[in-house]
Amino acid sequence: MCCLFLLGPSLGKAAGARPWQRRVGQEVEARHITAHRGTKVELWPSEPASPATVDPLKFEAALSRLCGAMPSDRLRGYRTTMLDAASEYFVDPFLLAALVYDQSRCWPRTQKRDEARGLFGLTRLPVDMHAPHVRKGKYRYFALEDGKWQPRELPMPSMPLNRYRAADPSDGLYLSAAILRVLERQHEDLDASFPQTPHRHFISHWFYGDVVGETEPETRVLTVRRRLLEFYLQTVHGPLGTLQGVGMQLPLDGRPRLVLDYFGNTRGKKQEGYSHRGIDLDATEGEPVRAMASGRVTFAGTDLPGGSNSGPLTPQEASALVESKAPLGPGGLYVHINHGNELGSLYMHLSSIAVSCGDSVKAGQIIGAAGRTGTDVSGPHLHLELRVGTNRVDPAKILFPALVDPFAR
């Protein structure tokens, strides 16, 4: 469930000398805030670099894989504008595209709920945060020099910074690229001068303004960026380890992925003798979930209240059941794959399935999409289990090279 909160006033070493109107993020969305608070930034490896030269057609193909089906002219327009705006303002086009996907799923029309929060366009640009700093076609910001804030300026696109221009797909991308450039130039001084939640990237300031409140939005955008880079580079990952002689791979794109909950956690139900039977991986609603290894689908359907299941369902039947809003059991929509040698893998809380019971699947084949079916309050994530016979095995022990696991012991 989304948690919306307002970042309150903060005081820092330079707060009394701040010569600009404070920028504050309004109603920043977070879905797994508690889990992210426990993740130390040093657990994350460095983010992969973008190619020095970007091939427009390869970028378009990667963007298509990320965003999904859309009219070809819209896709070409996104590709051209993203690359041109990123080039003009010296920002990473893969970061700009990741921000678009995270905020709007590449849908060009601003939703009413976002308009009510003052967020517009493909990037959900926070217009009210930045408009007071734009005058006469320039963004006026400040940088530290000899311990004092000195004014700096960045030429803005030849259009006003308002909700109408931000909502336009092309204009909004140019405005967003310019603001990203300002934040990239300024973020080190902001981080050195005001109390911040430790974070890894200047993209956090897009959501929170001067003072970063949480790291979840940053993690979401950077994960999408890694997914996009893998699509662009056509990266093929091999198995991370073996179990029962079977090579197992990460079921999500964009490694590494964050562990939200660990194997064996009692999760507040110790009195019932319950422990977490797998691990939870942070995921975006609708992103592909892949088979960890080749095998045969032995179940594809839904968990139902009372400990039963729906019986095998086709992808169409599963989608109809989910769309009906019928109550589901805690596992929601899920798939089980038998890999032989008594080894099975289980993928829960899916938003849709792409396979049917009895199908043979290859390692890395898409079997469904991540979601939050069957959960009460959790945001989108993938619950992943490994079983050898009747025994459960911690998936993190196999997948650890591709995980950021704050619970690792």
Protein backbone atom coordinates (compact mmCIF):
# COMPACT_ATOMS: atom_id res chain seq x y z
CA MET A 1 0.00 0.00 0.00
CA CYS A 2 1.31 3.45 -0.86
CA CYS A 3 2.38 5.53 2.11
CA LEU A 4 2.10 9.27 1.45
CA PHE A 5 3.92 11.68 3.67
CA LEU A 6 5.01 15.28 3.73
CA LEU A 7 8.60 16.06 4.46
CA GLY A 8 8.71 18.62 7.23
CA PRO A 9 11.08 21.56 7.76
CA SER A 10 14.70 20.70 8.37
CA LEU A 11 17.63 22.63 9.73
CA GLY A 12 21.22 22.06 8.73
CA LYS A 13 24.60 23.70 8.81
CA ALA A 14 23.62 26.05 6.00
CA ALA A 15 19.90 26.37 6.81
CA GLY A 16 20.19 29.88 8.17
CA ALA A 17 22.12 31.00 5.11
CA ARG A 18 19.97 29.34 2.46
CA PRO A 19 19.43 32.15 -0.08
CA TRP A 20 16.60 30.47 -2.01
CA GLN A 21 13.06 29.28 -1.46
CA ARG A 22 13.29 25.83 0.04
CA ARG A 23 12.33 23.01 -2.33
CA VAL A 24 10.15 20.38 -0.67
CA GLY A 25 8.68 17.23 -2.20
CA GLN A 26 4.95 16.93 -1.65
CA GLU A 27 3.35 13.55 -0.91
CA VAL A 28 6.26 11.40 -2.01
CA GLU A 29 5.08 7.86 -2.69
CA ALA A 30 6.71 4.95 -0.90
CA ARG A 31 5.55 1.33 -0.89
CA HIS A 32 8.15 -0.52 1.18
CA ILE A 33 9.46 2.29 3.32
CA THR A 34 10.37 0.18 6.36
CA ALA A 35 12.43 -2.29 4.34
CA HIS A 36 14.30 0.46 2.53
CA ARG A 37 15.15 2.24 5.76
CA GLY A 38 17.13 -0.83 6.82
CA THR A 39 19.28 -0.93 3.69
CA LYS A 40 22.68 0.68 4.07
CA VAL A 41 23.79 2.53 0.95
CA GLU A 42 27.20 0.83 1.06
CA LEU A 43 25.53 -2.51 0.34
CA TRP A 44 24.83 -1.33 -3.19
CA PRO A 45 27.54 -1.75 -5.84
CA SER A 46 28.29 1.09 -8.23
CA GLU A 47 25.65 1.62 -10.87
CA PRO A 48 26.65 0.49 -14.38
CA ALA A 49 27.84 3.20 -16.76
CA SER A 50 25.83 4.15 -19.82
CA PRO A 51 27.38 3.68 -23.27
CA ALA A 52 29.44 6.68 -24.39
CA THR A 53 27.54 6.69 -27.69
CA VAL A 54 23.91 5.62 -27.79
CA ASP A 55 22.52 3.88 -30.86
CA PRO A 56 19.04 5.40 -31.42
CA LEU A 57 17.49 2.23 -32.83
CA LYS A 58 18.84 0.03 -30.04
CA PHE A 59 17.63 2.60 -27.50
CA GLU A 60 14.17 2.57 -29.11
CA ALA A 61 14.05 -1.23 -29.01
CA ALA A 62 15.08 -1.25 -25.34
CA LEU A 63 12.52 1.42 -24.54
CA SER A 64 9.84 -0.65 -26.27
CA ARG A 65 10.70 -3.67 -24.14
CA LEU A 66 10.55 -1.55 -21.00
CA CYS A 67 7.37 0.41 -21.70
CA GLY A 68 5.43 -2.25 -23.57
CA ALA A 69 3.20 -1.87 -26.60
CA MET A 70 2.50 1.65 -27.85
CA PRO A 71 1.94 3.32 -31.23
CA SER A 72 5.13 3.34 -33.30
CA ASP A 73 5.05 7.12 -33.84
CA ARG A 74 4.80 7.71 -30.09
CA LEU A 75 7.72 5.37 -29.44
CA ARG A 76 9.88 7.12 -32.05
CA GLY A 77 8.90 10.48 -30.58
CA TYR A 78 9.90 9.38 -27.09
CA ARG A 79 13.22 8.01 -28.34
CA THR A 80 14.10 11.14 -30.31
CA THR A 81 13.09 13.60 -27.61
CA MET A 82 14.76 11.68 -24.79
CA LEU A 83 18.06 11.43 -26.64
CA ASP A 84 17.96 15.05 -27.85
CA ALA A 85 17.00 16.49 -24.46
CA ALA A 86 19.58 14.36 -22.66
CA SER A 87 22.27 15.46 -25.11
CA GLU A 88 21.39 19.14 -24.81
CA TYR A 89 21.58 19.10 -21.02
CA PHE A 90 24.34 16.50 -20.61
CA VAL A 91 22.24 14.05 -18.63
CA ASP A 92 22.04 10.27 -18.92
CA PRO A 93 19.25 9.30 -21.37
CA PHE A 94 18.85 5.95 -19.60
CA LEU A 95 18.19 7.81 -16.33
CA LEU A 96 15.67 10.10 -18.01
CA ALA A 97 13.87 7.13 -19.55
CA ALA A 98 13.89 5.26 -16.22
CA LEU A 99 12.33 8.27 -14.51
CA VAL A 100 9.61 8.33 -17.18
CA TYR A 101 8.81 4.66 -16.69
CA ASP A 102 8.85 4.86 -12.90
CA GLN A 103 6.57 7.87 -12.77
CA SER A 104 4.12 7.35 -15.63
CA ARG A 105 4.74 3.89 -17.15
CA CYS A 106 5.34 5.91 -20.36
CA TRP A 107 1.68 6.96 -20.50
CA PRO A 108 1.51 10.51 -21.93
CA ARG A 109 -1.58 11.72 -20.08
CA THR A 110 -1.23 12.93 -16.50
CA GLN A 111 -3.55 11.15 -14.08
CA LYS A 112 -5.92 13.30 -12.03
CA ARG A 113 -4.46 12.07 -8.74
CA ASP A 114 -1.01 13.28 -9.87
CA GLU A 115 -2.37 16.63 -11.02
CA ALA A 116 -3.86 17.05 -7.54
CA ARG A 117 -0.37 16.53 -6.12
CA GLY A 118 1.14 19.10 -8.48
CA LEU A 119 2.94 16.52 -10.65
CA PHE A 120 2.70 16.68 -14.44
CA GLY A 121 3.78 14.90 -17.59
CA LEU A 122 5.76 11.78 -18.33
CA THR A 123 8.18 12.42 -15.45
CA ARG A 124 5.51 13.75 -13.08
CA LEU A 125 7.54 16.94 -12.93
CA PRO A 126 6.97 18.78 -9.61
CA VAL A 127 6.26 22.17 -11.17
CA ASP A 128 5.59 24.10 -7.96
CA MET A 129 8.93 22.98 -6.52
CA HIS A 130 10.96 24.46 -9.35
CA ALA A 131 8.89 27.26 -10.92
CA PRO A 132 9.94 29.91 -8.33
CA HIS A 133 13.56 29.39 -9.37
CA VAL A 134 13.06 30.00 -13.09
CA ARG A 135 13.27 33.60 -14.31
CA LYS A 136 13.84 35.00 -17.79
CA GLY A 137 14.53 31.61 -19.27
CA LYS A 138 17.11 30.56 -16.67
CA TYR A 139 17.05 28.29 -13.61
CA ARG A 140 18.75 30.16 -10.77
CA TYR A 141 20.36 27.87 -8.20
CA PHE A 142 23.24 28.10 -5.73
CA ALA A 143 26.53 26.31 -5.24
CA LEU A 144 29.00 26.39 -2.37
CA GLU A 145 32.19 28.31 -2.97
CA ASP A 146 34.59 28.91 -0.06
CA GLY A 147 31.83 27.97 2.33
CA LYS A 148 29.31 30.45 0.92
CA TRP A 149 26.36 30.00 -1.40
CA GLN A 150 27.02 31.60 -4.76
CA PRO A 151 24.38 32.04 -7.50
CA ARG A 152 24.54 29.95 -10.65
CA GLU A 153 22.30 29.82 -13.70
CA LEU A 154 21.31 27.19 -16.23
CA PRO A 155 19.56 28.19 -19.48
CA MET A 156 16.16 26.52 -19.65
CA PRO A 157 14.22 25.32 -22.71
CA SER A 158 12.48 28.10 -24.64
CA MET A 159 9.13 27.59 -22.94
CA PRO A 160 7.62 28.56 -19.58
CA LEU A 161 7.86 26.13 -16.70
CA ASN A 162 4.20 25.57 -15.95
CA ARG A 163 1.80 22.63 -15.70
CA TYR A 164 0.73 22.89 -19.33
CA ARG A 165 4.23 22.69 -20.77
CA ALA A 166 5.26 20.04 -18.22
CA ALA A 167 2.26 17.94 -19.26
CA ASP A 168 3.27 18.06 -22.93
CA PRO A 169 5.33 14.91 -23.68
CA SER A 170 8.06 16.68 -25.67
CA ASP A 171 8.27 19.93 -23.69
CA GLY A 172 8.08 18.05 -20.39
CA LEU A 173 11.08 15.88 -21.29
CA TYR A 174 13.20 18.94 -22.13
CA LEU A 175 12.18 20.69 -18.90
CA SER A 176 12.88 17.53 -16.92
CA ALA A 177 16.33 17.10 -18.48
CA ALA A 178 17.22 20.67 -17.54
CA ILE A 179 16.10 20.19 -13.94
CA LEU A 180 18.03 16.92 -13.70
CA ARG A 181 21.11 18.84 -14.80
CA VAL A 182 20.57 21.42 -12.04
CA LEU A 183 20.20 18.69 -9.41
CA GLU A 184 23.29 16.87 -10.69
CA ARG A 185 25.33 20.08 -10.38
CA GLN A 186 24.00 20.99 -6.96
CA HIS A 187 23.43 17.73 -5.11
CA GLU A 188 26.87 17.37 -3.53
CA ASP A 189 26.56 20.81 -1.93
CA LEU A 190 23.03 20.03 -0.74
CA ASP A 191 24.17 16.74 0.78
CA ALA A 192 27.12 18.41 2.52
CA SER A 193 25.03 21.24 3.95
CA PHE A 194 21.73 19.77 5.13
CA PRO A 195 20.81 16.65 7.12
CA GLN A 196 19.91 13.97 4.59
CA THR A 197 18.81 10.38 4.65
CA PRO A 198 21.91 8.65 3.23
CA HIS A 199 21.37 8.05 -0.47
CA ARG A 200 23.40 7.12 -3.54
CA HIS A 201 22.27 9.31 -6.40
CA PHE A 202 21.11 12.83 -7.14
CA ILE A 203 17.83 11.45 -8.50
CA SER A 204 16.63 11.36 -4.87
CA HIS A 205 16.44 15.17 -4.96
CA TRP A 206 13.96 14.97 -7.84
CA PHE A 207 11.44 13.58 -5.35
CA TYR A 208 12.39 15.40 -2.16
CA GLY A 209 13.94 18.69 -3.19
CA ASP A 210 16.69 20.04 -0.93
CA VAL A 211 16.48 17.35 1.76
CA VAL A 212 16.13 13.65 0.93
CA GLY A 213 13.66 11.81 3.12
CA GLU A 214 13.85 8.17 1.98
CA THR A 215 15.70 6.01 -0.54
CA GLU A 216 12.84 3.98 -2.00
CA PRO A 217 12.11 6.29 -4.96
CA GLU A 218 15.82 6.33 -5.82
CA THR A 219 16.00 2.53 -5.70
CA ARG A 220 12.99 2.22 -7.99
CA VAL A 221 14.41 4.54 -10.66
CA LEU A 222 17.90 3.05 -10.59
CA THR A 223 16.49 -0.48 -10.83
CA VAL A 224 14.51 0.52 -13.91
CA ARG A 225 17.65 2.09 -15.37
CA ARG A 226 19.55 -1.19 -14.93
CA ARG A 227 16.71 -3.07 -16.60
CA LEU A 228 16.80 -0.67 -19.55
CA LEU A 229 20.58 -1.00 -19.86
CA GLU A 230 20.29 -4.79 -19.89
CA PHE A 231 17.70 -4.56 -22.67
CA TYR A 232 19.88 -2.13 -24.63
CA LEU A 233 23.03 -4.23 -24.26
CA GLN A 234 21.06 -7.46 -24.77
CA THR A 235 22.68 -8.82 -21.64
CA VAL A 236 22.37 -12.57 -21.09
CA HIS A 237 22.96 -13.75 -17.54
CA GLY A 238 23.91 -17.31 -16.71
CA PRO A 239 23.09 -19.28 -13.57
CA LEU A 240 24.15 -17.78 -10.26
CA GLY A 241 24.52 -21.13 -8.53
CA THR A 242 23.27 -24.68 -8.59
CA LEU A 243 20.82 -26.64 -6.48
CA GLN A 244 20.29 -30.37 -6.96
CA GLY A 245 22.60 -30.06 -9.95
CA VAL A 246 20.33 -27.47 -11.61
CA GLY A 247 21.66 -24.01 -12.48
CA MET A 248 19.42 -21.27 -11.07
CA GLN A 249 19.18 -17.67 -12.25
CA LEU A 250 17.62 -14.46 -10.95
CA PRO A 251 13.94 -14.30 -11.97
CA LEU A 252 13.95 -10.48 -12.38
CA ASP A 253 15.83 -8.21 -14.76
CA GLY A 254 18.10 -5.38 -13.64
CA ARG A 255 20.44 -6.98 -11.13
CA PRO A 256 21.14 -6.52 -8.31
CA ARG A 257 17.70 -6.66 -6.72
CA LEU A 258 16.77 -5.65 -3.20
CA VAL A 259 15.60 -8.24 -0.66
CA LEU A 260 12.61 -6.89 1.27
CA ASP A 261 12.07 -9.83 3.60
CA TYR A 262 14.22 -12.84 4.41
CA PHE A 263 13.79 -16.59 4.60
CA GLY A 264 12.64 -17.77 8.04
CA ASN A 265 11.37 -14.44 9.33
CA THR A 266 8.52 -15.01 11.81
CA ARG A 267 6.83 -11.81 10.55
CA GLY A 268 4.92 -11.21 13.78
CA LYS A 269 3.23 -14.62 13.76
CA LYS A 270 5.63 -16.45 16.03
CA GLN A 271 2.74 -17.60 18.23
CA GLU A 272 1.36 -19.50 15.23
CA GLY A 273 4.68 -21.20 14.49
CA TYR A 274 4.82 -19.46 11.11
CA SER A 275 8.01 -18.43 9.36
CA HIS A 276 8.59 -16.87 5.96
CA ARG A 277 9.00 -19.70 3.47
CA GLY A 278 10.96 -17.77 0.87
CA ILE A 279 12.31 -14.31 0.19
CA ASP A 280 10.57 -11.16 -1.04
CA LEU A 281 12.25 -9.22 -3.85
CA ASP A 282 11.41 -5.60 -4.57
CA ALA A 283 9.60 -5.37 -7.91
CA THR A 284 7.55 -3.04 -10.06
CA GLU A 285 3.93 -3.82 -10.83
CA GLY A 286 3.79 -5.56 -14.20
CA GLU A 287 7.49 -6.19 -14.74
CA PRO A 288 8.47 -9.60 -16.21
CA VAL A 289 9.08 -12.57 -13.93
CA ARG A 290 11.25 -15.29 -15.49
CA ALA A 291 11.75 -18.99 -14.83
CA MET A 292 14.82 -19.60 -12.68
CA ALA A 293 15.62 -22.76 -14.66
CA SER A 294 14.09 -24.96 -17.32
CA GLY A 295 11.28 -27.26 -16.23
CA ARG A 296 7.57 -28.00 -16.40
CA VAL A 297 4.80 -25.84 -14.98
CA THR A 298 2.98 -27.92 -12.38
CA PHE A 299 0.64 -25.16 -11.20
CA ALA A 300 -0.52 -21.82 -12.56
CA GLY A 301 -3.47 -20.30 -10.75
CA THR A 302 -4.41 -18.56 -7.54
CA ASP A 303 -4.24 -19.13 -3.83
CA LEU A 304 -7.71 -18.88 -2.28
CA PRO A 305 -8.86 -18.02 1.25
CA GLY A 306 -8.87 -20.97 3.61
CA GLY A 307 -5.76 -22.66 2.29
CA SER A 308 -7.16 -24.00 -0.99
CA ASN A 309 -6.33 -23.00 -4.55
CA SER A 310 -8.29 -22.26 -7.67
CA GLY A 311 -7.06 -25.25 -9.59
CA PRO A 312 -5.13 -24.72 -12.83
CA LEU A 313 -6.08 -21.59 -14.78
CA THR A 314 -5.20 -20.34 -18.23
CA PRO A 315 -3.61 -16.87 -18.43
CA GLN A 316 -6.97 -15.49 -19.60
CA GLU A 317 -8.90 -17.13 -16.76
CA ALA A 318 -6.36 -15.90 -14.21
CA SER A 319 -6.61 -12.33 -15.52
CA ALA A 320 -10.41 -12.46 -15.35
CA LEU A 321 -10.29 -13.69 -11.75
CA VAL A 322 -7.88 -10.94 -10.70
CA GLU A 323 -9.92 -8.27 -12.48
CA SER A 324 -13.08 -9.50 -10.74
CA LYS A 325 -11.58 -8.35 -7.42
CA ALA A 326 -12.59 -11.67 -5.86
CA PRO A 327 -10.86 -12.32 -2.51
CA LEU A 328 -7.65 -14.29 -2.85
CA GLY A 329 -5.50 -16.17 -0.35
CA PRO A 330 -2.18 -14.73 0.85
CA GLY A 331 -0.20 -16.12 -2.10
CA GLY A 332 -2.40 -14.53 -4.72
CA LEU A 333 -1.73 -15.49 -8.32
CA TYR A 334 1.24 -17.86 -8.52
CA VAL A 335 3.22 -20.32 -10.63
CA HIS A 336 5.08 -23.47 -9.59
CA ILE A 337 7.75 -25.06 -11.80
CA ASN A 338 9.22 -28.55 -11.40
CA HIS A 339 12.88 -28.57 -12.46
CA GLY A 340 13.51 -32.29 -11.87
CA ASN A 341 15.62 -33.89 -9.14
CA GLU A 342 12.84 -33.03 -6.64
CA LEU A 343 13.57 -29.32 -7.17
CA GLY A 344 10.74 -26.81 -7.54
CA SER A 345 10.47 -23.01 -7.67
CA LEU A 346 7.44 -20.95 -6.67
CA TYR A 347 6.57 -17.36 -7.74
CA MET A 348 3.79 -15.60 -5.80
CA HIS A 349 1.76 -12.34 -5.81
CA LEU A 350 1.86 -12.13 -9.61
CA SER A 351 -0.36 -9.63 -11.41
CA SER A 352 -0.72 -11.96 -14.40
CA ILE A 353 0.57 -15.31 -15.66
CA ALA A 354 1.95 -16.15 -19.10
CA VAL A 355 1.98 -19.96 -18.82
CA SER A 356 -0.45 -22.78 -18.17
CA CYS A 357 -0.20 -25.95 -16.14
CA GLY A 358 1.75 -28.59 -18.09
CA ASP A 359 3.76 -26.12 -20.17
CA SER A 360 7.48 -26.74 -20.62
CA VAL A 361 9.53 -23.60 -20.00
CA LYS A 362 13.13 -22.61 -20.59
CA ALA A 363 15.41 -20.83 -18.13
CA GLY A 364 14.77 -17.10 -18.43
CA GLN A 365 11.39 -17.49 -20.13
CA ILE A 366 8.71 -15.04 -18.97
CA ILE A 367 6.16 -16.88 -16.84
CA GLY A 368 4.20 -13.92 -15.52
CA ALA A 369 4.35 -10.36 -14.24
CA ALA A 370 5.12 -9.10 -10.75
CA GLY A 371 2.34 -7.63 -8.65
CA ARG A 372 0.74 -7.66 -5.22
CA THR A 373 -2.19 -10.10 -5.51
CA GLY A 374 -3.06 -11.73 -2.21
CA THR A 375 -1.32 -9.09 -0.10
CA ASP A 376 -3.06 -6.83 2.38
CA VAL A 377 -0.70 -3.89 2.74
CA SER A 378 2.52 -4.70 0.90
CA GLY A 379 3.51 -2.97 -2.31
CA PRO A 380 4.43 -4.91 -5.46
CA HIS A 381 7.04 -7.59 -4.88
CA LEU A 382 7.94 -11.14 -5.86
CA HIS A 383 7.70 -13.82 -3.21
CA LEU A 384 10.13 -16.53 -4.29
CA GLU A 385 10.46 -20.04 -2.87
CA LEU A 386 12.72 -23.00 -3.63
CA ARG A 387 11.77 -26.52 -2.58
CA VAL A 388 13.69 -29.78 -2.57
CA GLY A 389 11.11 -32.46 -1.97
CA THR A 390 9.16 -31.26 1.06
CA ASN A 391 12.03 -29.10 2.35
CA ARG A 392 12.34 -25.39 1.64
CA VAL A 393 15.69 -23.80 0.78
CA ASP A 394 16.66 -20.15 1.22
CA PRO A 395 16.78 -18.67 -2.33
CA ALA A 396 19.20 -15.97 -1.16
CA LYS A 397 21.91 -18.61 -0.70
CA ILE A 398 21.76 -19.35 -4.43
CA LEU A 399 21.08 -15.84 -5.75
CA PHE A 400 23.29 -13.82 -3.39
CA PRO A 401 25.67 -12.49 -6.11
CA ALA A 402 22.71 -10.68 -7.71
CA LEU A 403 21.04 -9.45 -4.51
CA VAL A 404 21.34 -6.53 -2.16
CA ASP A 405 20.36 -8.23 1.06
CA PRO A 406 20.20 -6.08 4.21
CA PHE A 407 19.36 -9.23 6.20
CA ALA A 408 22.43 -11.25 5.12
CA ARG A 409 24.17 -12.94 8.06
